[in-house]
C-alpha atoms as a PDB file:
ATOM      1  CA  UNK A   1    -207.931  -6.368   8.078  1.00  0.00           C
ATOM      2  CA  UNK A   2    -210.795  -8.309   7.218  1.00  0.00           C
ATOM      3  CA  UNK A   3    -210.505 -10.428   4.090  1.00  0.00           C
ATOM      4  CA  UNK A   4    -213.829  -9.923   1.506  1.00  0.00           C
ATOM      5  CA  UNK A   5    -215.631 -12.923   0.409  1.00  0.00           C
ATOM      6  CA  UNK A   6    -213.774 -12.512  -2.988  1.00  0.00           C
ATOM      7  CA  UNK A   7    -210.384 -13.085  -1.438  1.00  0.00           C
ATOM      8  CA  UNK A   8    -211.450 -16.345   0.431  1.00  0.00           C
ATOM      9  CA  UNK A   9    -213.032 -17.822  -2.838  1.00  0.00           C
ATOM     10  CA  UNK A  10    -209.562 -16.705  -4.418  1.00  0.00           C
ATOM     11  CA  UNK A  11    -207.607 -18.668  -1.496  1.00  0.00           C
ATOM     12  CA  UNK A  12    -209.402 -21.543  -1.673  1.00  0.00           C
ATOM     13  CA  UNK A  13    -209.495 -21.775  -6.169  1.00  0.00           C
ATOM     14  CA  UNK A  14    -205.357 -20.936  -5.947  1.00  0.00           C
ATOM     15  CA  UNK A  15    -204.900 -23.540  -3.101  1.00  0.00           C
ATOM     16  CA  UNK A  16    -206.778 -26.258  -4.891  1.00  0.00           C
ATOM     17  CA  UNK A  17    -204.853 -25.234  -8.212  1.00  0.00           C
ATOM     18  CA  UNK A  18    -201.962 -25.491  -6.544  1.00  0.00           C
ATOM     19  CA  UNK A  19    -202.175 -28.254  -4.372  1.00  0.00           C
ATOM     20  CA  UNK A  20    -203.192 -30.231  -8.327  1.00  0.00           C
ATOM     21  CA  UNK A  21    -199.895 -28.601  -9.454  1.00  0.00           C
ATOM     22  CA  UNK A  22    -198.471 -30.857  -6.799  1.00  0.00           C
ATOM     23  CA  UNK A  23    -199.682 -33.746  -8.547  1.00  0.00           C
ATOM     24  CA  UNK A  24    -198.503 -32.679 -11.434  1.00  0.00           C
ATOM     25  CA  UNK A  25    -194.950 -32.319 -10.141  1.00  0.00           C
ATOM     26  CA  UNK A  26    -195.266 -35.769  -8.780  1.00  0.00           C
ATOM     27  CA  UNK A  27    -195.610 -36.739 -12.645  1.00  0.00           C
ATOM     28  CA  UNK A  28    -192.758 -35.093 -13.921  1.00  0.00           C
ATOM     29  CA  UNK A  29    -190.859 -35.851 -10.804  1.00  0.00           C
ATOM     30  CA  UNK A  30    -189.709 -32.684  -9.409  1.00  0.00           C
ATOM     31  CA  UNK A  31    -187.506 -33.544  -7.000  1.00  0.00           C
ATOM     32  CA  UNK A  32    -184.980 -34.037  -9.742  1.00  0.00           C
ATOM     33  CA  UNK A  33    -185.503 -30.488 -10.642  1.00  0.00           C
ATOM     34  CA  UNK A  34    -184.174 -29.445  -6.690  1.00  0.00           C
ATOM     35  CA  UNK A  35    -181.561 -32.259  -6.164  1.00  0.00           C
ATOM     36  CA  UNK A  36    -183.455 -33.815  -3.760  1.00  0.00           C
ATOM     37  CA  UNK A  37    -182.545 -37.069  -2.930  1.00  0.00           C
ATOM     38  CA  UNK A  38    -184.863 -39.656  -1.487  1.00  0.00           C
ATOM     39  CA  UNK A  39    -187.068 -39.793  -4.834  1.00  0.00           C
ATOM     40  CA  UNK A  40    -190.491 -39.991  -4.375  1.00  0.00           C
ATOM     41  CA  UNK A  41    -190.719 -41.152  -0.537  1.00  0.00           C
ATOM     42  CA  UNK A  42    -189.073 -37.703   0.257  1.00  0.00           C
ATOM     43  CA  UNK A  43    -191.444 -35.409  -2.015  1.00  0.00           C
ATOM     44  CA  UNK A  44    -194.377 -36.891  -0.588  1.00  0.00           C
ATOM     45  CA  UNK A  45    -193.271 -36.670   2.993  1.00  0.00           C
ATOM     46  CA  UNK A  46    -191.814 -33.128   2.327  1.00  0.00           C
ATOM     47  CA  UNK A  47    -195.380 -32.418   0.823  1.00  0.00           C
ATOM     48  CA  UNK A  48    -197.313 -33.126   4.113  1.00  0.00           C
ATOM     49  CA  UNK A  49    -196.437 -29.714   5.935  1.00  0.00           C
ATOM     50  CA  UNK A  50    -196.550 -27.815   2.713  1.00  0.00           C
ATOM     51  CA  UNK A  51    -200.671 -29.091   2.512  1.00  0.00           C
ATOM     52  CA  UNK A  52    -201.019 -28.641   5.847  1.00  0.00           C
ATOM     53  CA  UNK A  53    -199.981 -25.146   5.852  1.00  0.00           C
ATOM     54  CA  UNK A  54    -202.410 -24.611   2.826  1.00  0.00           C
ATOM     55  CA  UNK A  55    -205.612 -26.353   4.682  1.00  0.00           C
ATOM     56  CA  UNK A  56    -204.779 -24.474   8.381  1.00  0.00           C
ATOM     57  CA  UNK A  57    -204.553 -20.991   5.805  1.00  0.00           C
ATOM     58  CA  UNK A  58    -208.115 -21.724   4.283  1.00  0.00           C
ATOM     59  CA  UNK A  59    -208.967 -23.062   8.054  1.00  0.00           C
ATOM     60  CA  UNK A  60    -207.849 -19.133   9.210  1.00  0.00           C
ATOM     61  CA  UNK A  61    -209.699 -17.269   6.170  1.00  0.00           C
ATOM     62  CA  UNK A  62    -213.008 -19.102   6.743  1.00  0.00           C
ATOM     63  CA  UNK A  63    -212.416 -18.804  10.489  1.00  0.00           C
ATOM     64  CA  UNK A  64    -211.736 -15.005   9.667  1.00  0.00           C
ATOM     65  CA  UNK A  65    -208.671 -15.359  12.048  1.00  0.00           C
ATOM     66  CA  UNK A  66    -206.273 -12.328  11.935  1.00  0.00           C
ATOM     67  CA  UNK A  67    -203.890 -14.849  10.736  1.00  0.00           C
ATOM     68  CA  UNK A  68    -206.017 -14.953   7.225  1.00  0.00           C
ATOM     69  CA  UNK A  69    -203.954 -12.446   6.154  1.00  0.00           C
ATOM     70  CA  UNK A  70    -200.529 -13.792   6.709  1.00  0.00           C
ATOM     71  CA  UNK A  71    -201.984 -17.425   5.177  1.00  0.00           C
ATOM     72  CA  UNK A  72    -202.849 -15.562   2.002  1.00  0.00           C
ATOM     73  CA  UNK A  73    -199.715 -13.625   1.401  1.00  0.00           C
ATOM     74  CA  UNK A  74    -198.083 -16.842   1.956  1.00  0.00           C
ATOM     75  CA  UNK A  75    -200.051 -18.530  -0.463  1.00  0.00           C
ATOM     76  CA  UNK A  76    -199.945 -15.802  -2.947  1.00  0.00           C
ATOM     77  CA  UNK A  77    -196.073 -16.243  -2.257  1.00  0.00           C
ATOM     78  CA  UNK A  78    -195.922 -20.029  -2.972  1.00  0.00           C
ATOM     79  CA  UNK A  79    -197.827 -19.666  -6.038  1.00  0.00           C
ATOM     80  CA  UNK A  80    -195.518 -16.728  -7.472  1.00  0.00           C
ATOM     81  CA  UNK A  81    -192.141 -18.929  -6.341  1.00  0.00           C
ATOM     82  CA  UNK A  82    -193.792 -22.420  -8.775  1.00  0.00           C
ATOM     83  CA  UNK A  83    -195.328 -20.192 -11.531  1.00  0.00           C
ATOM     84  CA  UNK A  84    -191.301 -17.918 -11.499  1.00  0.00           C
ATOM     85  CA  UNK A  85    -189.480 -21.383 -10.851  1.00  0.00           C
ATOM     86  CA  UNK A  86    -191.033 -23.218 -13.558  1.00  0.00           C
ATOM     87  CA  UNK A  87    -191.007 -20.415 -16.119  1.00  0.00           C
ATOM     88  CA  UNK A  88    -186.992 -20.368 -15.616  1.00  0.00           C
ATOM     89  CA  UNK A  89    -186.936 -24.042 -16.436  1.00  0.00           C
ATOM     90  CA  UNK A  90    -189.193 -24.099 -19.037  1.00  0.00           C
ATOM     91  CA  UNK A  91    -187.453 -21.395 -20.724  1.00  0.00           C
ATOM     92  CA  UNK A  92    -184.506 -23.168 -20.207  1.00  0.00           C
ATOM     93  CA  UNK A  93    -185.608 -25.785 -22.685  1.00  0.00           C
ATOM     94  CA  UNK A  94    -186.408 -28.462 -20.162  1.00  0.00           C
ATOM     95  CA  UNK A  95    -189.113 -30.908 -21.537  1.00  0.00           C
ATOM     96  CA  UNK A  96    -191.024 -31.976 -17.775  1.00  0.00           C
ATOM     97  CA  UNK A  97    -194.271 -29.606 -17.437  1.00  0.00           C
ATOM     98  CA  UNK A  98    -195.210 -28.435 -21.203  1.00  0.00           C
ATOM     99  CA  UNK A  99    -198.370 -30.805 -21.345  1.00  0.00           C
ATOM    100  CA  UNK A 100    -200.909 -28.509 -21.793  1.00  0.00           C
ATOM    101  CA  UNK A 101    -202.520 -29.455 -18.552  1.00  0.00           C
ATOM    102  CA  UNK A 102    -199.207 -28.488 -16.560  1.00  0.00           C
ATOM    103  CA  UNK A 103    -199.240 -25.553 -18.264  1.00  0.00           C
ATOM    104  CA  UNK A 104    -202.839 -24.957 -17.658  1.00  0.00           C
ATOM    105  CA  UNK A 105    -202.369 -25.389 -13.463  1.00  0.00           C
ATOM    106  CA  UNK A 106    -199.470 -22.955 -13.607  1.00  0.00           C
ATOM    107  CA  UNK A 107    -201.061 -20.250 -16.018  1.00  0.00           C
ATOM    108  CA  UNK A 108    -204.071 -20.389 -13.482  1.00  0.00           C
ATOM    109  CA  UNK A 109    -201.356 -20.094 -10.937  1.00  0.00           C
ATOM    110  CA  UNK A 110    -200.503 -17.159 -11.953  1.00  0.00           C
ATOM    111  CA  UNK A 111    -203.247 -15.870 -12.659  1.00  0.00           C
ATOM    112  CA  UNK A 112    -205.506 -16.614  -9.244  1.00  0.00           C
ATOM    113  CA  UNK A 113    -201.744 -15.237  -7.249  1.00  0.00           C
ATOM    114  CA  UNK A 114    -201.658 -12.202  -9.356  1.00  0.00           C
ATOM    115  CA  UNK A 115    -205.409 -11.603  -8.358  1.00  0.00           C
ATOM    116  CA  UNK A 116    -204.910 -12.734  -4.935  1.00  0.00           C
ATOM    117  CA  UNK A 117    -202.198 -10.292  -4.421  1.00  0.00           C
ATOM    118  CA  UNK A 118    -204.135  -7.493  -6.131  1.00  0.00           C
ATOM    119  CA  UNK A 119    -206.787  -7.952  -3.649  1.00  0.00           C
ATOM    120  CA  UNK A 120    -204.601  -8.002  -0.602  1.00  0.00           C
ATOM    121  CA  UNK A 121    -202.869  -5.296  -1.267  1.00  0.00           C
ATOM    122  CA  UNK A 122    -205.903  -2.862  -2.460  1.00  0.00           C
ATOM    123  CA  UNK A 123    -208.023  -4.354   1.514  1.00  0.00           C
ATOM    124  CA  UNK A 124    -204.913  -3.279   3.138  1.00  0.00           C
ATOM    125  CA  UNK A 125    -204.720   0.062   1.891  1.00  0.00           C
ATOM    126  CA  UNK A 126    -208.552  -0.054   2.567  1.00  0.00           C
ATOM    127  CA  UNK A 127    -208.515  -0.963   6.095  1.00  0.00           C
ATOM    128  CA  UNK A 128    -205.168   1.775   6.581  1.00  0.00           C
ATOM    129  CA  UNK A 129    -207.288   4.663   5.129  1.00  0.00           C
ATOM    130  CA  UNK A 130    -210.605   3.386   6.809  1.00  0.00           C
ATOM    131  CA  UNK A 131    -208.075   3.586  10.682  1.00  0.00           C
ATOM    132  CA  UNK A 132    -206.398   6.887   9.918  1.00  0.00           C
ATOM    133  CA  UNK A 133    -209.738   8.511   8.966  1.00  0.00           C
ATOM    134  CA  UNK A 134    -211.215   7.351  11.850  1.00  0.00           C
ATOM    135  CA  UNK A 135    -208.453   8.560  14.311  1.00  0.00           C
ATOM    136  CA  UNK A 136    -208.658  11.750  15.974  1.00  0.00           C
ATOM    137  CA  UNK A 137    -207.342  14.849  14.082  1.00  0.00           C
ATOM    138  CA  UNK A 138    -204.694  15.514  16.188  1.00  0.00           C
ATOM    139  CA  UNK A 139    -203.125  11.761  15.488  1.00  0.00           C
ATOM    140  CA  UNK A 140    -203.180  12.353  11.744  1.00  0.00           C
ATOM    141  CA  UNK A 141    -200.909  15.785  12.196  1.00  0.00           C
END
C-alpha cells in the first residue's frame, strides 16, 4: 500500500503535535502520572527513543518505504493512547493539562490521529480492491 500526499502531511502534522505535547507534558511533570522514578531526567531519556521512532517513521513515509504504513499506524496508536490517557486523567478531576494550549494539543492529536486512521483504513481498502481486481478470475473465486 502506498501512502498518499495527504497521509504524508497528516503524519508530519500529527508527529509535530505529539512532540510538542511531550514538551507540554514535561511542564506538567507527566512522569508523576505514570509513577516513574527518576523525575525529569528519566522522562527525557525515555522520550529519546520515542522521538527517534517518530522521526524514523517520517523518514520512511517520505522515502515511501513499505515500513511507512506500520510507522503511520504506530503514530495513530500513540496519539490515541495519549488522548485516551489524558482524557481519563482529566475526567478524574486532576489539575494538569487543563491549560488552553494543553487542551488544544490533545484535541489536535485526537483529530489528526482520527483522520490519519480513517485515511489509512481507506487506503488499505483501495489497495486491497485494486489487488483483487488485478488477479485472474480463477484466483478471486
